[in-house]
Amino acid sequence: MQGIIVFYLPAKGYGYVRVPDTREEFRFRTINLCKPVEAGDHVRFVLKEDRKGYFADEVEPLRIT
């Protein structure tokens, strides 16, 4: 899936990514990041589920030209 980082708090180690088409937001943890990200970055991620619900995993920035 692809989305945009809408919130990222590096000190706490988490953030949220929004899917533009559906406006759904999913949490992600920095421990799962492949590369550093910041708010506004376009990213690719894998949607997974745990006991708290769906979350973004394997978050990776996309190059937008």
PDB file of N, CA and C in Angstrom:
ATOM      1  N   MET A   1       0.844  -1.173   0.000  1.00  0.00           N
ATOM      2  CA  MET A   1       0.000   0.000   0.000  1.00  0.00           C
ATOM      3  C   MET A   1       0.892   1.240   0.000  1.00  0.00           C
ATOM      4  N   GLN A   2       0.272   2.362  -0.348  1.00  0.00           N
ATOM      5  CA  GLN A   2       0.991   3.628  -0.319  1.00  0.00           C
ATOM      6  C   GLN A   2       0.208   4.635   0.515  1.00  0.00           C
ATOM      7  N   GLY A   3       0.928   5.555   1.147  1.00  0.00           N
ATOM      8  CA  GLY A   3       0.281   6.563   1.963  1.00  0.00           C
ATOM      9  C   GLY A   3       1.209   7.728   2.231  1.00  0.00           C
ATOM     10  N   ILE A   4       0.763   8.610   3.126  1.00  0.00           N
ATOM     11  CA  ILE A   4       1.515   9.800   3.497  1.00  0.00           C
ATOM     12  C   ILE A   4       1.619   9.837   5.023  1.00  0.00           C
ATOM     13  N   ILE A   5       2.812  10.132   5.523  1.00  0.00           N
ATOM     14  CA  ILE A   5       3.002  10.260   6.962  1.00  0.00           C
ATOM     15  C   ILE A   5       2.283  11.530   7.418  1.00  0.00           C
ATOM     16  N   VAL A   6       1.313  11.384   8.333  1.00  0.00           N
ATOM     17  CA  VAL A   6       0.572  12.547   8.821  1.00  0.00           C
ATOM     18  C   VAL A   6       1.045  12.993  10.190  1.00  0.00           C
ATOM     19  N   PHE A   7       1.675  12.104  10.910  1.00  0.00           N
ATOM     20  CA  PHE A   7       2.165  12.423  12.243  1.00  0.00           C
ATOM     21  C   PHE A   7       3.324  11.502  12.539  1.00  0.00           C
ATOM     22  N   TYR A   8       4.385  12.066  13.097  1.00  0.00           N
ATOM     23  CA  TYR A   8       5.532  11.242  13.456  1.00  0.00           C
ATOM     24  C   TYR A   8       6.223  11.867  14.654  1.00  0.00           C
ATOM     25  N   LEU A   9       6.394  11.102  15.685  1.00  0.00           N
ATOM     26  CA  LEU A   9       7.023  11.554  16.914  1.00  0.00           C
ATOM     27  C   LEU A   9       8.225  10.651  17.202  1.00  0.00           C
ATOM     28  N   PRO A  10       9.402  11.032  16.682  1.00  0.00           N
ATOM     29  CA  PRO A  10      10.578  10.175  16.845  1.00  0.00           C
ATOM     30  C   PRO A  10      10.954   9.911  18.301  1.00  0.00           C
ATOM     31  N   ALA A  11      10.745  10.887  19.175  1.00  0.00           N
ATOM     32  CA  ALA A  11      11.109  10.710  20.586  1.00  0.00           C
ATOM     33  C   ALA A  11      10.307   9.586  21.246  1.00  0.00           C
ATOM     34  N   LYS A  12       9.069   9.416  20.821  1.00  0.00           N
ATOM     35  CA  LYS A  12       8.212   8.355  21.357  1.00  0.00           C
ATOM     36  C   LYS A  12       8.264   7.090  20.505  1.00  0.00           C
ATOM     37  N   GLY A  13       8.759   7.217  19.285  1.00  0.00           N
ATOM     38  CA  GLY A  13       8.929   6.047  18.430  1.00  0.00           C
ATOM     39  C   GLY A  13       7.692   5.551  17.715  1.00  0.00           C
ATOM     40  N   TYR A  14       6.767   6.460  17.398  1.00  0.00           N
ATOM     41  CA  TYR A  14       5.591   6.040  16.647  1.00  0.00           C
ATOM     42  C   TYR A  14       5.051   7.175  15.784  1.00  0.00           C
ATOM     43  N   GLY A  15       4.118   6.804  14.910  1.00  0.00           N
ATOM     44  CA  GLY A  15       3.479   7.786  14.048  1.00  0.00           C
ATOM     45  C   GLY A  15       2.262   7.187  13.382  1.00  0.00           C
ATOM     46  N   TYR A  16       1.688   7.949  12.452  1.00  0.00           N
ATOM     47  CA  TYR A  16       0.507   7.504  11.704  1.00  0.00           C
ATOM     48  C   TYR A  16       0.701   7.797  10.223  1.00  0.00           C
ATOM     49  N   VAL A  17       0.219   6.889   9.419  1.00  0.00           N
ATOM     50  CA  VAL A  17       0.256   7.043   7.973  1.00  0.00           C
ATOM     51  C   VAL A  17      -1.186   7.012   7.460  1.00  0.00           C
ATOM     52  N   ARG A  18      -1.500   7.892   6.493  1.00  0.00           N
ATOM     53  CA  ARG A  18      -2.855   7.970   5.928  1.00  0.00           C
ATOM     54  C   ARG A  18      -2.841   7.494   4.490  1.00  0.00           C
ATOM     55  N   VAL A  19      -3.837   6.685   4.143  1.00  0.00           N
ATOM     56  CA  VAL A  19      -4.030   6.246   2.760  1.00  0.00           C
ATOM     57  C   VAL A  19      -4.895   7.312   2.090  1.00  0.00           C
ATOM     58  N   PRO A  20      -4.384   8.023   1.077  1.00  0.00           N
ATOM     59  CA  PRO A  20      -5.123   9.142   0.475  1.00  0.00           C
ATOM     60  C   PRO A  20      -6.502   8.776  -0.083  1.00  0.00           C
ATOM     61  N   ASP A  21      -6.614   7.628  -0.719  1.00  0.00           N
ATOM     62  CA  ASP A  21      -7.884   7.257  -1.357  1.00  0.00           C
ATOM     63  C   ASP A  21      -9.004   7.028  -0.343  1.00  0.00           C
ATOM     64  N   THR A  22      -8.701   6.359   0.753  1.00  0.00           N
ATOM     65  CA  THR A  22      -9.729   5.996   1.729  1.00  0.00           C
ATOM     66  C   THR A  22      -9.709   6.881   2.971  1.00  0.00           C
ATOM     67  N   ARG A  23      -8.629   7.664   3.154  1.00  0.00           N
ATOM     68  CA  ARG A  23      -8.416   8.526   4.309  1.00  0.00           C
ATOM     69  C   ARG A  23      -8.285   7.734   5.610  1.00  0.00           C
ATOM     70  N   GLU A  24      -8.075   6.427   5.508  1.00  0.00           N
ATOM     71  CA  GLU A  24      -7.830   5.605   6.691  1.00  0.00           C
ATOM     72  C   GLU A  24      -6.426   5.887   7.213  1.00  0.00           C
ATOM     73  N   GLU A  25      -6.270   5.833   8.523  1.00  0.00           N
ATOM     74  CA  GLU A  25      -4.966   6.042   9.137  1.00  0.00           C
ATOM     75  C   GLU A  25      -4.558   4.789   9.902  1.00  0.00           C
ATOM     76  N   PHE A  26      -3.266   4.483   9.819  1.00  0.00           N
ATOM     77  CA  PHE A  26      -2.720   3.314  10.492  1.00  0.00           C
ATOM     78  C   PHE A  26      -1.488   3.734  11.273  1.00  0.00           C
ATOM     79  N   ARG A  27      -1.319   3.171  12.444  1.00  0.00           N
ATOM     80  CA  ARG A  27      -0.163   3.468  13.268  1.00  0.00           C
ATOM     81  C   ARG A  27       1.052   2.709  12.749  1.00  0.00           C
ATOM     82  N   PHE A  28       2.219   3.224  13.088  1.00  0.00           N
ATOM     83  CA  PHE A  28       3.439   2.492  12.793  1.00  0.00           C
ATOM     84  C   PHE A  28       4.442   2.788  13.899  1.00  0.00           C
ATOM     85  N   ARG A  29       5.363   1.869  14.083  1.00  0.00           N
ATOM     86  CA  ARG A  29       6.415   2.015  15.079  1.00  0.00           C
ATOM     87  C   ARG A  29       7.744   2.195  14.362  1.00  0.00           C
ATOM     88  N   THR A  30       8.591   3.064  14.894  1.00  0.00           N
ATOM     89  CA  THR A  30       9.881   3.300  14.256  1.00  0.00           C
ATOM     90  C   THR A  30      10.765   2.063  14.277  1.00  0.00           C
ATOM     91  N   ILE A  31      10.489   1.153  15.182  1.00  0.00           N
ATOM     92  CA  ILE A  31      11.287  -0.067  15.252  1.00  0.00           C
ATOM     93  C   ILE A  31      11.145  -0.889  13.961  1.00  0.00           C
ATOM     94  N   ASN A  32      10.060  -0.677  13.229  1.00  0.00           N
ATOM     95  CA  ASN A  32       9.813  -1.426  11.994  1.00  0.00           C
ATOM     96  C   ASN A  32      10.255  -0.678  10.744  1.00  0.00           C
ATOM     97  N   LEU A  33      10.812   0.525  10.893  1.00  0.00           N
ATOM     98  CA  LEU A  33      11.169   1.332   9.734  1.00  0.00           C
ATOM     99  C   LEU A  33      12.397   0.785   9.020  1.00  0.00           C
ATOM    100  N   CYS A  34      12.335   0.794   7.699  1.00  0.00           N
ATOM    101  CA  CYS A  34      13.497   0.426   6.885  1.00  0.00           C
ATOM    102  C   CYS A  34      14.420   1.639   6.726  1.00  0.00           C
ATOM    103  N   LYS A  35      13.837   2.857   6.636  1.00  0.00           N
ATOM    104  CA  LYS A  35      14.589   4.101   6.454  1.00  0.00           C
ATOM    105  C   LYS A  35      13.889   5.202   7.244  1.00  0.00           C
ATOM    106  N   PRO A  36      14.600   6.271   7.600  1.00  0.00           N
ATOM    107  CA  PRO A  36      13.967   7.376   8.345  1.00  0.00           C
ATOM    108  C   PRO A  36      12.855   8.065   7.543  1.00  0.00           C
ATOM    109  N   VAL A  37      11.825   8.537   8.238  1.00  0.00           N
ATOM    110  CA  VAL A  37      10.722   9.267   7.602  1.00  0.00           C
ATOM    111  C   VAL A  37      10.374  10.486   8.438  1.00  0.00           C
ATOM    112  N   GLU A  38       9.602  11.396   7.845  1.00  0.00           N
ATOM    113  CA  GLU A  38       9.074  12.552   8.569  1.00  0.00           C
ATOM    114  C   GLU A  38       7.701  12.881   8.013  1.00  0.00           C
ATOM    115  N   ALA A  39       6.939  13.702   8.740  1.00  0.00           N
ATOM    116  CA  ALA A  39       5.589  14.082   8.331  1.00  0.00           C
ATOM    117  C   ALA A  39       5.614  14.661   6.921  1.00  0.00           C
ATOM    118  N   GLY A  40       4.663  14.236   6.096  1.00  0.00           N
ATOM    119  CA  GLY A  40       4.564  14.695   4.714  1.00  0.00           C
ATOM    120  C   GLY A  40       5.218  13.767   3.709  1.00  0.00           C
ATOM    121  N   ASP A  41       6.042  12.838   4.172  1.00  0.00           N
ATOM    122  CA  ASP A  41       6.694  11.888   3.258  1.00  0.00           C
ATOM    123  C   ASP A  41       5.682  10.910   2.678  1.00  0.00           C
ATOM    124  N   HIS A  42       5.837  10.624   1.404  1.00  0.00           N
ATOM    125  CA  HIS A  42       5.062   9.569   0.758  1.00  0.00           C
ATOM    126  C   HIS A  42       5.795   8.262   1.035  1.00  0.00           C
ATOM    127  N   VAL A  43       5.035   7.253   1.455  1.00  0.00           N
ATOM    128  CA  VAL A  43       5.658   5.988   1.837  1.00  0.00           C
ATOM    129  C   VAL A  43       4.909   4.792   1.251  1.00  0.00           C
ATOM    130  N   ARG A  44       5.600   3.696   1.233  1.00  0.00           N
ATOM    131  CA  ARG A  44       5.031   2.394   0.886  1.00  0.00           C
ATOM    132  C   ARG A  44       5.084   1.574   2.170  1.00  0.00           C
ATOM    133  N   PHE A  45       4.064   0.750   2.408  1.00  0.00           N
ATOM    134  CA  PHE A  45       4.049  -0.065   3.619  1.00  0.00           C
ATOM    135  C   PHE A  45       3.217  -1.320   3.403  1.00  0.00           C
ATOM    136  N   VAL A  46       3.382  -2.230   4.330  1.00  0.00           N
ATOM    137  CA  VAL A  46       2.621  -3.479   4.344  1.00  0.00           C
ATOM    138  C   VAL A  46       1.645  -3.391   5.504  1.00  0.00           C
ATOM    139  N   LEU A  47       0.389  -3.696   5.250  1.00  0.00           N
ATOM    140  CA  LEU A  47      -0.629  -3.648   6.292  1.00  0.00           C
ATOM    141  C   LEU A  47      -0.670  -4.994   7.005  1.00  0.00           C
ATOM    142  N   LYS A  48      -0.544  -4.956   8.335  1.00  0.00           N
ATOM    143  CA  LYS A  48      -0.584  -6.174   9.150  1.00  0.00           C
ATOM    144  C   LYS A  48      -1.565  -5.960  10.287  1.00  0.00           C
ATOM    145  N   GLU A  49      -1.896  -7.039  10.978  1.00  0.00           N
ATOM    146  CA  GLU A  49      -2.860  -6.964  12.076  1.00  0.00           C
ATOM    147  C   GLU A  49      -2.275  -7.587  13.332  1.00  0.00           C
ATOM    148  N   ASP A  50      -2.564  -6.938  14.466  1.00  0.00           N
ATOM    149  CA  ASP A  50      -2.199  -7.502  15.762  1.00  0.00           C
ATOM    150  C   ASP A  50      -3.412  -7.376  16.688  1.00  0.00           C
ATOM    151  N   ARG A  51      -3.213  -7.565  17.973  1.00  0.00           N
ATOM    152  CA  ARG A  51      -4.346  -7.531  18.908  1.00  0.00           C
ATOM    153  C   ARG A  51      -5.000  -6.154  19.009  1.00  0.00           C
ATOM    154  N   LYS A  52      -4.294  -5.095  18.610  1.00  0.00           N
ATOM    155  CA  LYS A  52      -4.843  -3.731  18.651  1.00  0.00           C
ATOM    156  C   LYS A  52      -5.502  -3.332  17.338  1.00  0.00           C
ATOM    157  N   GLY A  53      -5.386  -4.158  16.303  1.00  0.00           N
ATOM    158  CA  GLY A  53      -5.964  -3.826  15.006  1.00  0.00           C
ATOM    159  C   GLY A  53      -4.903  -3.772  13.927  1.00  0.00           C
ATOM    160  N   TYR A  54      -5.208  -3.089  12.845  1.00  0.00           N
ATOM    161  CA  TYR A  54      -4.278  -3.000  11.718  1.00  0.00           C
ATOM    162  C   TYR A  54      -3.208  -1.955  11.974  1.00  0.00           C
ATOM    163  N   PHE A  55      -2.021  -2.219  11.439  1.00  0.00           N
ATOM    164  CA  PHE A  55      -0.917  -1.269  11.560  1.00  0.00           C
ATOM    165  C   PHE A  55      -0.043  -1.344  10.319  1.00  0.00           C
ATOM    166  N   ALA A  56       0.705  -0.286  10.078  1.00  0.00           N
ATOM    167  CA  ALA A  56       1.622  -0.218   8.944  1.00  0.00           C
ATOM    168  C   ALA A  56       2.967  -0.806   9.371  1.00  0.00           C
ATOM    169  N   ASP A  57       3.507  -1.676   8.546  1.00  0.00           N
ATOM    170  CA  ASP A  57       4.796  -2.310   8.822  1.00  0.00           C
ATOM    171  C   ASP A  57       5.661  -2.171   7.575  1.00  0.00           C
ATOM    172  N   GLU A  58       6.960  -2.302   7.749  1.00  0.00           N
ATOM    173  CA  GLU A  58       7.909  -2.196   6.642  1.00  0.00           C
ATOM    174  C   GLU A  58       7.735  -0.859   5.906  1.00  0.00           C
ATOM    175  N   VAL A  59       7.573   0.219   6.682  1.00  0.00           N
ATOM    176  CA  VAL A  59       7.380   1.559   6.123  1.00  0.00           C
ATOM    177  C   VAL A  59       8.668   2.009   5.432  1.00  0.00           C
ATOM    178  N   GLU A  60       8.523   2.437   4.185  1.00  0.00           N
ATOM    179  CA  GLU A  60       9.680   2.848   3.388  1.00  0.00           C
ATOM    180  C   GLU A  60       9.326   4.078   2.551  1.00  0.00           C
ATOM    181  N   PRO A  61      10.141   5.123   2.604  1.00  0.00           N
ATOM    182  CA  PRO A  61       9.867   6.333   1.815  1.00  0.00           C
ATOM    183  C   PRO A  61       9.877   6.056   0.315  1.00  0.00           C
ATOM    184  N   LEU A  62       9.014   6.771  -0.403  1.00  0.00           N
ATOM    185  CA  LEU A  62       8.964   6.692  -1.862  1.00  0.00           C
ATOM    186  C   LEU A  62       9.606   7.938  -2.440  1.00  0.00           C
ATOM    187  N   ARG A  63      10.214   7.800  -3.586  1.00  0.00           N
ATOM    188  CA  ARG A  63      10.752   8.978  -4.285  1.00  0.00           C
ATOM    189  C   ARG A  63       9.649   9.553  -5.147  1.00  0.00           C
ATOM    190  N   ILE A  64       9.259  10.791  -4.897  1.00  0.00           N
ATOM    191  CA  ILE A  64       8.244  11.484  -5.682  1.00  0.00           C
ATOM    192  C   ILE A  64       8.980  12.512  -6.556  1.00  0.00           C
ATOM    193  N   THR A  65       8.814  12.388  -7.869  1.00  0.00           N
ATOM    194  CA  THR A  65       9.490  13.316  -8.774  1.00  0.00           C
ATOM    195  C   THR A  65       8.514  14.246  -9.441  1.00  0.00           C
TER     196      THR A  65
END
